[in-house]
Amino acid sequence: MASIEIAPLSDRLTDEEIEELGGALAAASAPKLPKGDDGVKKVLSAGLDEDTLTEFMDRLEAHEIACDIYLPIEFEGRVEVGDLRAGSVVTLMETLAELKDDFNLESDDEGDGDDEDEDDDGDDEEEEDEDEAEDDDDDDDDSVAALVERRLQALWKVFSAGAKRALERKIPLHVRM
């Protein structure tokens, strides 16, 4: 079961791994991690569909920002600690802003001319039945695509709100799959 949460690094990393992360960040010329509230843990979204999260992470990967942990500092690239990748929540926010159009979050228009409606003066009922059957198949495809799009939009909103909270509270954002 996948989830997105804000939590201290100690929730996911050992003390040795946190030290290793600090060294990797120093090597990447990143600023030191700010002192956030170590007791704060907030699950932003639990029980996420793993296929949807994987697709979302693939889109982040195309921008080389897909990570397991997003740190509340600004730096370029990603660092690895153990089997986890860490990146900047600031870079995540910039990438989310770029992806906003991809998820159709600025416009509420659906089906901008994708549907072909042709007026036919013929009265052939058989042809109309075939058209209706094809429309039903298209509706099924459209409904699945629309469902996936709505899930990706919802996930974008969770990531966006989570990134803002993580930065404000100076606590890492965790993606668990």
N, C-alpha and C. Protein backbone atom coordinates (compact mmCIF):
# COMPACT_ATOMS: atom_id res chain seq x y z
N MET A 1 0.85 -1.17 0.00
CA MET A 1 0.00 0.00 0.00
C MET A 1 0.90 1.24 0.00
N ALA A 2 0.73 2.10 -0.98
CA ALA A 2 1.57 3.28 -1.15
C ALA A 2 1.01 4.45 -0.34
N SER A 3 1.93 5.33 0.07
CA SER A 3 1.51 6.51 0.82
C SER A 3 2.49 7.66 0.59
N ILE A 4 2.01 8.85 0.89
CA ILE A 4 2.82 10.06 0.86
C ILE A 4 2.66 10.72 2.21
N GLU A 5 3.78 11.06 2.84
CA GLU A 5 3.71 11.65 4.18
C GLU A 5 4.87 12.60 4.40
N ILE A 6 4.71 13.46 5.38
CA ILE A 6 5.84 14.26 5.84
C ILE A 6 6.23 13.69 7.19
N ALA A 7 7.52 13.48 7.36
CA ALA A 7 8.03 12.86 8.58
C ALA A 7 9.53 13.12 8.69
N PRO A 8 10.08 13.01 9.88
CA PRO A 8 11.52 13.19 10.03
C PRO A 8 12.29 12.07 9.32
N LEU A 9 13.54 12.33 9.02
CA LEU A 9 14.37 11.33 8.37
C LEU A 9 14.52 10.08 9.23
N SER A 10 14.53 10.26 10.54
CA SER A 10 14.71 9.13 11.45
C SER A 10 13.57 8.12 11.36
N ASP A 11 12.49 8.51 10.73
CA ASP A 11 11.37 7.60 10.51
C ASP A 11 11.71 6.53 9.49
N ARG A 12 12.68 6.84 8.66
CA ARG A 12 12.99 5.95 7.53
C ARG A 12 14.45 5.55 7.44
N LEU A 13 15.32 6.37 8.03
CA LEU A 13 16.76 6.12 7.95
C LEU A 13 17.35 5.92 9.33
N THR A 14 18.40 5.11 9.38
CA THR A 14 19.14 4.94 10.64
C THR A 14 20.03 6.16 10.85
N ASP A 15 20.59 6.29 12.04
CA ASP A 15 21.50 7.40 12.32
C ASP A 15 22.70 7.38 11.36
N GLU A 16 23.21 6.19 11.07
CA GLU A 16 24.35 6.07 10.14
C GLU A 16 23.95 6.52 8.74
N GLU A 17 22.76 6.15 8.32
CA GLU A 17 22.30 6.57 6.99
C GLU A 17 22.05 8.07 6.93
N ILE A 18 21.60 8.65 8.02
CA ILE A 18 21.41 10.10 8.05
C ILE A 18 22.76 10.80 7.93
N GLU A 19 23.79 10.27 8.60
CA GLU A 19 25.14 10.83 8.47
C GLU A 19 25.65 10.67 7.03
N GLU A 20 25.40 9.50 6.43
CA GLU A 20 25.79 9.25 5.05
C GLU A 20 25.09 10.24 4.12
N LEU A 21 23.82 10.50 4.38
CA LEU A 21 23.06 11.47 3.59
C LEU A 21 23.67 12.85 3.72
N GLY A 22 24.04 13.24 4.94
CA GLY A 22 24.69 14.54 5.14
C GLY A 22 25.97 14.68 4.34
N GLY A 23 26.76 13.60 4.29
CA GLY A 23 27.99 13.61 3.50
C GLY A 23 27.71 13.71 2.01
N ALA A 24 26.71 12.99 1.55
CA ALA A 24 26.33 13.03 0.13
C ALA A 24 25.82 14.42 -0.24
N LEU A 25 25.06 15.04 0.65
CA LEU A 25 24.56 16.40 0.39
C LEU A 25 25.71 17.40 0.35
N ALA A 26 26.69 17.24 1.25
CA ALA A 26 27.85 18.13 1.25
C ALA A 26 28.62 17.98 -0.07
N ALA A 27 28.77 16.74 -0.54
CA ALA A 27 29.46 16.50 -1.80
C ALA A 27 28.70 17.11 -2.98
N ALA A 28 27.39 17.23 -2.85
CA ALA A 28 26.55 17.83 -3.90
C ALA A 28 26.41 19.34 -3.72
N SER A 29 27.21 19.90 -2.81
CA SER A 29 27.17 21.35 -2.51
C SER A 29 25.79 21.81 -2.06
N ALA A 30 25.09 20.96 -1.37
CA ALA A 30 23.76 21.31 -0.85
C ALA A 30 23.91 21.93 0.53
N PRO A 31 22.97 22.78 0.90
CA PRO A 31 23.01 23.35 2.25
C PRO A 31 22.69 22.28 3.29
N LYS A 32 23.04 22.58 4.53
CA LYS A 32 22.73 21.63 5.62
C LYS A 32 21.23 21.53 5.79
N LEU A 33 20.81 20.37 6.24
CA LEU A 33 19.39 20.16 6.50
C LEU A 33 18.94 21.03 7.66
N PRO A 34 17.83 21.71 7.53
CA PRO A 34 17.33 22.53 8.64
C PRO A 34 16.79 21.65 9.75
N LYS A 35 16.77 22.20 10.93
CA LYS A 35 16.20 21.47 12.06
C LYS A 35 14.69 21.65 12.02
N GLY A 36 14.01 20.58 11.70
CA GLY A 36 12.55 20.58 11.70
C GLY A 36 12.07 19.96 12.99
N ASP A 37 10.79 19.89 13.16
CA ASP A 37 10.19 19.27 14.33
C ASP A 37 10.27 17.76 14.16
N ASP A 38 11.16 17.12 14.94
CA ASP A 38 11.39 15.68 14.80
C ASP A 38 10.19 14.84 15.17
N GLY A 39 9.27 15.39 15.94
CA GLY A 39 8.11 14.61 16.37
C GLY A 39 6.95 14.64 15.39
N VAL A 40 7.05 15.50 14.37
CA VAL A 40 5.93 15.66 13.45
C VAL A 40 5.94 14.56 12.41
N LYS A 41 4.80 13.91 12.27
CA LYS A 41 4.58 12.95 11.19
C LYS A 41 3.14 13.12 10.76
N LYS A 42 2.95 13.32 9.48
CA LYS A 42 1.60 13.50 8.95
C LYS A 42 1.48 12.72 7.65
N VAL A 43 0.54 11.80 7.64
CA VAL A 43 0.25 11.06 6.42
C VAL A 43 -0.67 11.93 5.57
N LEU A 44 -0.20 12.27 4.38
CA LEU A 44 -0.98 13.12 3.49
C LEU A 44 -1.95 12.32 2.65
N SER A 45 -1.53 11.13 2.28
CA SER A 45 -2.39 10.26 1.49
C SER A 45 -1.92 8.82 1.67
N ALA A 46 -2.82 7.96 2.11
CA ALA A 46 -2.50 6.56 2.31
C ALA A 46 -3.38 5.71 1.41
N GLY A 47 -2.96 4.48 1.19
CA GLY A 47 -3.76 3.58 0.38
C GLY A 47 -3.82 3.98 -1.08
N LEU A 48 -2.76 4.60 -1.56
CA LEU A 48 -2.73 5.05 -2.96
C LEU A 48 -2.63 3.86 -3.91
N ASP A 49 -3.24 4.00 -5.07
CA ASP A 49 -3.13 3.00 -6.12
C ASP A 49 -1.68 2.99 -6.60
N GLU A 50 -1.01 1.86 -6.45
CA GLU A 50 0.41 1.78 -6.80
C GLU A 50 0.66 1.99 -8.29
N ASP A 51 -0.25 1.56 -9.14
CA ASP A 51 -0.07 1.77 -10.58
C ASP A 51 -0.10 3.26 -10.92
N THR A 52 -1.02 3.98 -10.29
CA THR A 52 -1.11 5.43 -10.53
C THR A 52 0.13 6.13 -10.00
N LEU A 53 0.57 5.74 -8.79
CA LEU A 53 1.76 6.34 -8.22
C LEU A 53 2.99 6.03 -9.08
N THR A 54 3.07 4.82 -9.59
CA THR A 54 4.19 4.45 -10.46
C THR A 54 4.18 5.30 -11.73
N GLU A 55 3.00 5.49 -12.33
CA GLU A 55 2.92 6.33 -13.53
C GLU A 55 3.33 7.77 -13.21
N PHE A 56 2.88 8.27 -12.06
CA PHE A 56 3.23 9.63 -11.66
C PHE A 56 4.75 9.74 -11.45
N MET A 57 5.33 8.75 -10.78
CA MET A 57 6.77 8.77 -10.53
C MET A 57 7.55 8.65 -11.85
N ASP A 58 7.01 7.91 -12.82
CA ASP A 58 7.65 7.83 -14.13
C ASP A 58 7.72 9.21 -14.78
N ARG A 59 6.68 9.98 -14.61
CA ARG A 59 6.68 11.34 -15.17
C ARG A 59 7.69 12.22 -14.45
N LEU A 60 7.83 12.03 -13.14
CA LEU A 60 8.86 12.76 -12.41
C LEU A 60 10.25 12.29 -12.85
N GLU A 61 10.38 11.00 -13.10
CA GLU A 61 11.66 10.44 -13.54
C GLU A 61 12.10 11.04 -14.87
N ALA A 62 11.16 11.34 -15.73
CA ALA A 62 11.48 11.99 -17.01
C ALA A 62 12.16 13.33 -16.78
N HIS A 63 11.92 13.93 -15.62
CA HIS A 63 12.55 15.20 -15.24
C HIS A 63 13.70 14.98 -14.26
N GLU A 64 14.04 13.71 -14.06
CA GLU A 64 15.12 13.29 -13.16
C GLU A 64 14.93 13.81 -11.74
N ILE A 65 13.69 13.72 -11.25
CA ILE A 65 13.40 14.16 -9.89
C ILE A 65 12.59 13.12 -9.11
N ALA A 66 12.40 11.95 -9.65
CA ALA A 66 11.67 10.91 -8.91
C ALA A 66 12.55 10.43 -7.74
N CYS A 67 12.01 10.55 -6.53
CA CYS A 67 12.77 10.18 -5.33
C CYS A 67 11.86 9.51 -4.32
N ASP A 68 12.49 8.90 -3.33
CA ASP A 68 11.77 8.31 -2.22
C ASP A 68 11.58 9.33 -1.10
N ILE A 69 12.53 10.26 -1.01
CA ILE A 69 12.50 11.29 0.02
C ILE A 69 12.83 12.63 -0.64
N TYR A 70 12.03 13.65 -0.33
CA TYR A 70 12.29 15.00 -0.80
C TYR A 70 12.65 15.85 0.41
N LEU A 71 13.85 16.41 0.37
CA LEU A 71 14.38 17.17 1.50
C LEU A 71 13.99 18.65 1.38
N PRO A 72 13.74 19.31 2.52
CA PRO A 72 13.29 20.71 2.50
C PRO A 72 14.43 21.71 2.30
N ILE A 73 15.27 21.43 1.31
CA ILE A 73 16.37 22.32 0.95
C ILE A 73 16.44 22.38 -0.57
N GLU A 74 17.24 23.33 -1.07
CA GLU A 74 17.37 23.45 -2.52
C GLU A 74 18.75 22.98 -2.95
N PHE A 75 18.76 22.00 -3.86
CA PHE A 75 19.99 21.54 -4.46
C PHE A 75 19.66 20.85 -5.78
N GLU A 76 20.64 20.71 -6.62
CA GLU A 76 20.45 20.08 -7.94
C GLU A 76 20.70 18.59 -7.85
N GLY A 77 19.96 17.84 -8.62
CA GLY A 77 20.19 16.41 -8.72
C GLY A 77 19.58 15.63 -7.57
N ARG A 78 20.07 14.40 -7.45
CA ARG A 78 19.60 13.49 -6.41
C ARG A 78 20.81 12.86 -5.74
N VAL A 79 20.62 12.43 -4.51
CA VAL A 79 21.66 11.69 -3.80
C VAL A 79 21.06 10.37 -3.34
N GLU A 80 21.92 9.37 -3.19
CA GLU A 80 21.44 8.07 -2.77
C GLU A 80 22.00 7.75 -1.39
N VAL A 81 21.15 7.14 -0.60
CA VAL A 81 21.56 6.64 0.71
C VAL A 81 20.86 5.29 0.88
N GLY A 82 21.66 4.26 1.07
CA GLY A 82 21.09 2.93 1.11
C GLY A 82 20.43 2.64 -0.23
N ASP A 83 19.20 2.17 -0.19
CA ASP A 83 18.47 1.90 -1.44
C ASP A 83 17.44 2.98 -1.74
N LEU A 84 17.59 4.15 -1.11
CA LEU A 84 16.66 5.26 -1.30
C LEU A 84 17.34 6.42 -2.02
N ARG A 85 16.54 7.14 -2.80
CA ARG A 85 17.03 8.35 -3.46
C ARG A 85 16.38 9.55 -2.79
N ALA A 86 17.18 10.59 -2.60
CA ALA A 86 16.68 11.82 -2.00
C ALA A 86 16.92 12.98 -2.97
N GLY A 87 15.94 13.86 -3.02
CA GLY A 87 16.04 15.03 -3.87
C GLY A 87 15.52 16.25 -3.13
N SER A 88 15.49 17.35 -3.81
CA SER A 88 15.07 18.62 -3.24
C SER A 88 13.56 18.83 -3.40
N VAL A 89 12.92 19.22 -2.33
CA VAL A 89 11.49 19.52 -2.41
C VAL A 89 11.26 20.78 -3.25
N VAL A 90 12.25 21.67 -3.27
CA VAL A 90 12.15 22.89 -4.09
C VAL A 90 12.15 22.51 -5.57
N THR A 91 13.04 21.60 -5.95
CA THR A 91 13.09 21.13 -7.33
C THR A 91 11.81 20.38 -7.68
N LEU A 92 11.29 19.61 -6.73
CA LEU A 92 10.01 18.92 -6.94
C LEU A 92 8.91 19.93 -7.24
N MET A 93 8.85 21.01 -6.47
CA MET A 93 7.81 22.03 -6.68
C MET A 93 7.95 22.67 -8.06
N GLU A 94 9.17 22.93 -8.49
CA GLU A 94 9.39 23.51 -9.82
C GLU A 94 8.93 22.54 -10.91
N THR A 95 9.23 21.26 -10.73
CA THR A 95 8.83 20.24 -11.69
C THR A 95 7.32 20.09 -11.72
N LEU A 96 6.69 20.13 -10.56
CA LEU A 96 5.23 20.04 -10.50
C LEU A 96 4.58 21.20 -11.24
N ALA A 97 5.18 22.38 -11.13
CA ALA A 97 4.65 23.54 -11.85
C ALA A 97 4.75 23.32 -13.36
N GLU A 98 5.85 22.70 -13.81
CA GLU A 98 6.00 22.39 -15.23
C GLU A 98 4.99 21.34 -15.69
N LEU A 99 4.68 20.39 -14.82
CA LEU A 99 3.79 19.29 -15.17
C LEU A 99 2.31 19.65 -15.06
N LYS A 100 2.01 20.81 -14.54
CA LYS A 100 0.61 21.19 -14.30
C LYS A 100 -0.23 21.09 -15.58
N ASP A 101 0.31 21.55 -16.68
CA ASP A 101 -0.41 21.47 -17.96
C ASP A 101 -0.61 20.03 -18.41
N ASP A 102 0.39 19.18 -18.15
CA ASP A 102 0.28 17.77 -18.55
C ASP A 102 -0.90 17.07 -17.88
N PHE A 103 -1.26 17.53 -16.70
CA PHE A 103 -2.35 16.91 -15.96
C PHE A 103 -3.67 17.67 -16.13
N ASN A 104 -3.70 18.59 -17.09
CA ASN A 104 -4.91 19.37 -17.41
C ASN A 104 -5.51 20.02 -16.18
N LEU A 105 -4.67 20.60 -15.36
CA LEU A 105 -5.17 21.24 -14.14
C LEU A 105 -5.53 22.70 -14.33
N GLU A 106 -5.10 23.30 -15.44
CA GLU A 106 -5.44 24.70 -15.65
C GLU A 106 -6.72 24.89 -16.43
N SER A 107 -7.11 23.88 -17.18
CA SER A 107 -8.34 24.03 -17.95
C SER A 107 -9.32 22.93 -17.58
N ASP A 108 -10.57 23.28 -17.60
CA ASP A 108 -11.62 22.30 -17.31
C ASP A 108 -12.21 21.74 -18.59
N ASP A 109 -11.67 22.14 -19.75
CA ASP A 109 -12.19 21.66 -21.02
C ASP A 109 -11.79 20.21 -21.22
N GLU A 110 -12.76 19.40 -21.54
CA GLU A 110 -12.47 18.01 -21.84
C GLU A 110 -12.92 17.72 -23.25
N GLY A 111 -12.12 16.95 -23.94
CA GLY A 111 -12.51 16.54 -25.29
C GLY A 111 -12.49 17.68 -26.27
N ASP A 112 -11.42 18.44 -26.32
CA ASP A 112 -11.32 19.56 -27.24
C ASP A 112 -11.28 19.08 -28.68
N GLY A 113 -12.43 18.76 -29.23
CA GLY A 113 -12.51 18.38 -30.63
C GLY A 113 -12.07 16.96 -30.91
N ASP A 114 -11.85 16.17 -29.87
CA ASP A 114 -11.42 14.79 -30.09
C ASP A 114 -12.56 13.92 -30.57
N ASP A 115 -13.78 14.26 -30.23
CA ASP A 115 -14.93 13.47 -30.65
C ASP A 115 -15.35 13.91 -32.03
N GLU A 116 -15.63 12.92 -32.86
CA GLU A 116 -16.08 13.25 -34.21
C GLU A 116 -17.57 13.05 -34.29
N ASP A 117 -18.29 14.13 -34.41
CA ASP A 117 -19.74 14.08 -34.58
C ASP A 117 -20.06 14.51 -35.99
N GLU A 118 -20.49 13.55 -36.76
CA GLU A 118 -20.85 13.88 -38.14
C GLU A 118 -22.35 13.72 -38.29
N ASP A 119 -22.96 14.72 -38.87
CA ASP A 119 -24.39 14.62 -39.18
C ASP A 119 -24.54 13.90 -40.50
N ASP A 120 -25.34 12.83 -40.48
CA ASP A 120 -25.57 12.04 -41.68
C ASP A 120 -27.05 12.10 -41.98
N ASP A 121 -27.39 12.41 -43.20
CA ASP A 121 -28.80 12.52 -43.58
C ASP A 121 -29.43 11.17 -43.85
N GLY A 122 -28.65 10.09 -43.86
CA GLY A 122 -29.18 8.76 -44.14
C GLY A 122 -30.00 8.25 -42.97
N ASP A 123 -30.93 7.36 -43.25
CA ASP A 123 -31.79 6.80 -42.21
C ASP A 123 -31.48 5.34 -41.95
N ASP A 124 -30.27 4.90 -42.16
CA ASP A 124 -29.90 3.50 -42.03
C ASP A 124 -29.76 3.15 -40.55
N GLU A 125 -30.71 2.39 -39.98
CA GLU A 125 -30.70 2.05 -38.56
C GLU A 125 -29.52 1.16 -38.21
N GLU A 126 -29.15 0.24 -39.12
CA GLU A 126 -28.04 -0.66 -38.84
C GLU A 126 -26.75 0.14 -38.65
N GLU A 127 -26.54 1.15 -39.48
CA GLU A 127 -25.36 1.99 -39.37
C GLU A 127 -25.37 2.74 -38.04
N GLU A 128 -26.53 3.20 -37.61
CA GLU A 128 -26.64 3.89 -36.33
C GLU A 128 -26.32 2.96 -35.18
N ASP A 129 -26.78 1.69 -35.25
CA ASP A 129 -26.49 0.72 -34.19
C ASP A 129 -24.99 0.47 -34.09
N GLU A 130 -24.31 0.35 -35.25
CA GLU A 130 -22.87 0.16 -35.24
C GLU A 130 -22.18 1.36 -34.63
N ASP A 131 -22.64 2.56 -34.98
CA ASP A 131 -22.05 3.77 -34.42
C ASP A 131 -22.22 3.80 -32.91
N GLU A 132 -23.40 3.40 -32.42
CA GLU A 132 -23.64 3.39 -30.98
C GLU A 132 -22.73 2.38 -30.29
N ALA A 133 -22.52 1.21 -30.91
CA ALA A 133 -21.64 0.20 -30.32
C ALA A 133 -20.21 0.73 -30.26
N GLU A 134 -19.77 1.38 -31.32
CA GLU A 134 -18.43 1.96 -31.32
C GLU A 134 -18.33 3.07 -30.28
N ASP A 135 -19.37 3.89 -30.15
CA ASP A 135 -19.38 4.94 -29.15
C ASP A 135 -19.29 4.36 -27.75
N ASP A 136 -19.98 3.22 -27.50
CA ASP A 136 -19.90 2.57 -26.19
C ASP A 136 -18.47 2.15 -25.89
N ASP A 137 -17.78 1.56 -26.89
CA ASP A 137 -16.39 1.17 -26.70
C ASP A 137 -15.53 2.39 -26.44
N ASP A 138 -15.76 3.45 -27.22
CA ASP A 138 -15.01 4.69 -27.01
C ASP A 138 -15.30 5.26 -25.64
N ASP A 139 -16.57 5.19 -25.21
CA ASP A 139 -16.93 5.69 -23.88
C ASP A 139 -16.19 4.92 -22.80
N ASP A 140 -16.09 3.58 -22.97
CA ASP A 140 -15.35 2.78 -21.99
C ASP A 140 -13.90 3.20 -21.95
N ASP A 141 -13.27 3.36 -23.13
CA ASP A 141 -11.89 3.80 -23.19
C ASP A 141 -11.74 5.19 -22.59
N ASP A 142 -12.69 6.06 -22.94
CA ASP A 142 -12.66 7.42 -22.41
C ASP A 142 -12.83 7.43 -20.90
N SER A 143 -13.71 6.58 -20.39
CA SER A 143 -13.95 6.58 -18.95
C SER A 143 -12.74 6.05 -18.19
N VAL A 144 -12.06 5.06 -18.74
CA VAL A 144 -10.83 4.56 -18.11
C VAL A 144 -9.76 5.63 -18.16
N ALA A 145 -9.59 6.25 -19.32
CA ALA A 145 -8.60 7.31 -19.46
C ALA A 145 -8.94 8.48 -18.54
N ALA A 146 -10.22 8.81 -18.45
CA ALA A 146 -10.64 9.91 -17.57
C ALA A 146 -10.38 9.57 -16.11
N LEU A 147 -10.61 8.32 -15.74
CA LEU A 147 -10.36 7.89 -14.36
C LEU A 147 -8.87 7.99 -14.04
N VAL A 148 -8.03 7.52 -14.94
CA VAL A 148 -6.59 7.59 -14.74
C VAL A 148 -6.16 9.06 -14.64
N GLU A 149 -6.71 9.89 -15.52
CA GLU A 149 -6.36 11.31 -15.49
C GLU A 149 -6.79 11.96 -14.16
N ARG A 150 -7.98 11.63 -13.69
CA ARG A 150 -8.44 12.19 -12.40
C ARG A 150 -7.55 11.73 -11.26
N ARG A 151 -7.13 10.47 -11.29
CA ARG A 151 -6.24 9.96 -10.23
C ARG A 151 -4.88 10.67 -10.27
N LEU A 152 -4.36 10.88 -11.47
CA LEU A 152 -3.09 11.59 -11.60
C LEU A 152 -3.23 13.04 -11.15
N GLN A 153 -4.36 13.67 -11.47
CA GLN A 153 -4.60 15.04 -11.02
C GLN A 153 -4.65 15.11 -9.50
N ALA A 154 -5.35 14.15 -8.89
CA ALA A 154 -5.44 14.12 -7.43
C ALA A 154 -4.07 13.90 -6.81
N LEU A 155 -3.27 13.04 -7.41
CA LEU A 155 -1.93 12.78 -6.91
C LEU A 155 -1.04 14.01 -7.06
N TRP A 156 -1.18 14.73 -8.18
CA TRP A 156 -0.43 15.96 -8.37
C TRP A 156 -0.75 16.94 -7.24
N LYS A 157 -2.03 17.04 -6.91
CA LYS A 157 -2.45 17.95 -5.84
C LYS A 157 -1.88 17.54 -4.49
N VAL A 158 -1.83 16.24 -4.22
CA VAL A 158 -1.25 15.74 -2.96
C VAL A 158 0.24 16.06 -2.92
N PHE A 159 0.94 15.80 -4.01
CA PHE A 159 2.37 16.11 -4.07
C PHE A 159 2.61 17.60 -3.89
N SER A 160 1.81 18.41 -4.56
CA SER A 160 1.99 19.86 -4.49
C SER A 160 1.75 20.38 -3.06
N ALA A 161 0.65 19.97 -2.46
CA ALA A 161 0.35 20.41 -1.09
C ALA A 161 1.39 19.85 -0.11
N GLY A 162 1.80 18.62 -0.31
CA GLY A 162 2.80 18.01 0.56
C GLY A 162 4.14 18.69 0.46
N ALA A 163 4.55 19.05 -0.74
CA ALA A 163 5.83 19.74 -0.93
C ALA A 163 5.81 21.09 -0.23
N LYS A 164 4.70 21.81 -0.34
CA LYS A 164 4.59 23.11 0.33
C LYS A 164 4.66 22.96 1.85
N ARG A 165 3.93 21.97 2.37
CA ARG A 165 3.96 21.72 3.82
C ARG A 165 5.34 21.32 4.30
N ALA A 166 5.97 20.44 3.55
CA ALA A 166 7.31 19.96 3.93
C ALA A 166 8.29 21.13 3.97
N LEU A 167 8.22 22.01 2.99
CA LEU A 167 9.12 23.16 2.95
C LEU A 167 8.83 24.12 4.10
N GLU A 168 7.56 24.39 4.35
CA GLU A 168 7.18 25.30 5.44
C GLU A 168 7.60 24.76 6.80
N ARG A 169 7.40 23.48 7.01
CA ARG A 169 7.71 22.86 8.31
C ARG A 169 9.14 22.35 8.41
N LYS A 170 9.87 22.44 7.30
CA LYS A 170 11.26 21.98 7.25
C LYS A 170 11.39 20.51 7.63
N ILE A 171 10.49 19.72 7.06
CA ILE A 171 10.46 18.28 7.30
C ILE A 171 10.41 17.58 5.95
N PRO A 172 11.13 16.47 5.79
CA PRO A 172 11.13 15.76 4.51
C PRO A 172 9.76 15.19 4.12
N LEU A 173 9.56 15.12 2.81
CA LEU A 173 8.38 14.49 2.21
C LEU A 173 8.80 13.09 1.78
N HIS A 174 8.04 12.09 2.22
CA HIS A 174 8.38 10.69 1.93
C HIS A 174 7.34 10.09 0.98
N VAL A 175 7.83 9.34 0.01
CA VAL A 175 6.97 8.58 -0.90
C VAL A 175 7.27 7.11 -0.61
N ARG A 176 6.25 6.40 -0.16
CA ARG A 176 6.43 4.98 0.17
C ARG A 176 5.62 4.14 -0.80
N MET A 177 6.28 3.17 -1.42
CA MET A 177 5.60 2.29 -2.36
C MET A 177 5.70 0.86 -1.87
